[in-house]
Protein backbone atom coordinates (compact mmCIF):
# COMPACT_ATOMS: atom_id res chain seq x y z
CA GLY A 1 102.84 94.71 115.68
CA LEU A 2 105.92 93.94 113.56
CA PRO A 3 107.22 96.48 111.06
CA LYS A 4 106.45 95.59 107.46
CA GLU A 5 110.16 95.08 106.71
CA GLN A 6 110.04 91.98 108.91
CA ILE A 7 107.02 90.42 107.18
CA ASP A 8 107.14 88.72 103.78
CA LEU A 9 104.15 87.49 101.79
CA TYR A 10 104.59 84.33 99.71
CA VAL A 11 101.82 83.34 97.30
CA SER A 12 101.85 80.51 94.78
CA HIS A 13 99.44 82.06 92.27
CA GLY A 14 99.84 85.84 92.30
CA VAL A 15 96.84 87.08 90.35
CA PHE A 16 96.88 90.54 92.00
CA SER A 17 93.79 91.61 90.07
CA LYS A 18 93.50 94.77 92.18
CA GLY A 19 97.21 95.56 92.01
CA THR A 20 99.75 95.38 94.81
CA ALA A 21 99.66 98.87 96.33
CA GLU A 22 97.72 97.86 99.46
CA LEU A 23 99.85 94.75 99.98
CA GLU A 24 103.06 96.76 99.64
CA LYS A 25 101.92 98.92 102.57
CA LYS A 26 101.80 95.86 104.84
CA PHE A 27 104.61 93.59 103.63
CA GLY A 28 108.32 94.17 103.16
CA ARG A 29 108.55 91.71 100.27
CA ILE A 30 105.95 90.02 98.09
CA ILE A 31 107.06 86.83 96.40
CA THR A 32 105.00 84.83 93.91
CA THR A 33 105.57 82.35 91.12
CA ASN A 34 104.85 82.57 87.42
CA SER A 35 102.50 79.57 87.71
CA TYR A 36 99.60 81.89 86.92
CA LEU A 37 100.53 83.87 83.83
CA SER A 38 98.53 87.01 84.35
CA ASP A 39 99.05 90.08 82.19
CA ALA A 40 100.90 91.63 85.16
CA VAL A 41 103.43 88.78 85.15
CA LEU A 42 103.80 88.76 81.38
CA ASP A 43 104.22 92.53 81.15
CA GLY A 44 106.70 92.69 84.01
CA VAL A 45 104.39 94.96 86.02
CA LEU A 46 104.93 92.97 89.20
CA ARG A 47 108.70 93.39 89.04
CA LYS A 48 108.27 97.13 88.67
CA ASN A 49 106.06 97.11 91.77
CA SER A 50 108.60 95.40 94.05
CA VAL A 51 107.09 91.95 93.64
CA GLU A 52 109.58 89.15 93.14
CA VAL A 53 108.38 86.58 90.59
CA LEU A 54 110.01 83.16 90.88
CA ASP A 55 110.21 81.13 87.68
CA VAL A 56 108.74 77.69 88.33
CA ILE A 57 107.63 77.03 84.76
CA ARG A 58 111.02 76.81 83.05
CA PRO A 59 112.50 74.24 85.48
CA MET A 60 109.42 72.04 85.02
CA ILE A 61 109.72 72.28 81.24
CA ASP A 62 113.43 71.45 81.48
CA LEU A 63 112.60 68.29 83.48
CA ILE A 64 110.18 67.12 80.81
CA LYS A 65 112.72 67.44 77.99
């Protein structure tokens, strides 16, 4: 019963193989990581579709160095 602006969706591996249009109807924000490097992440499609992609890869690489 809450408005979508009050509900956020957090996913660790945002594949979004069917896109994000249906999810955007139900959630105010969609946040995922770049731990799954789909074409949508690589091409920046998710950012264009109001999906926030958190970089978890670069900090892990930095720790290894």
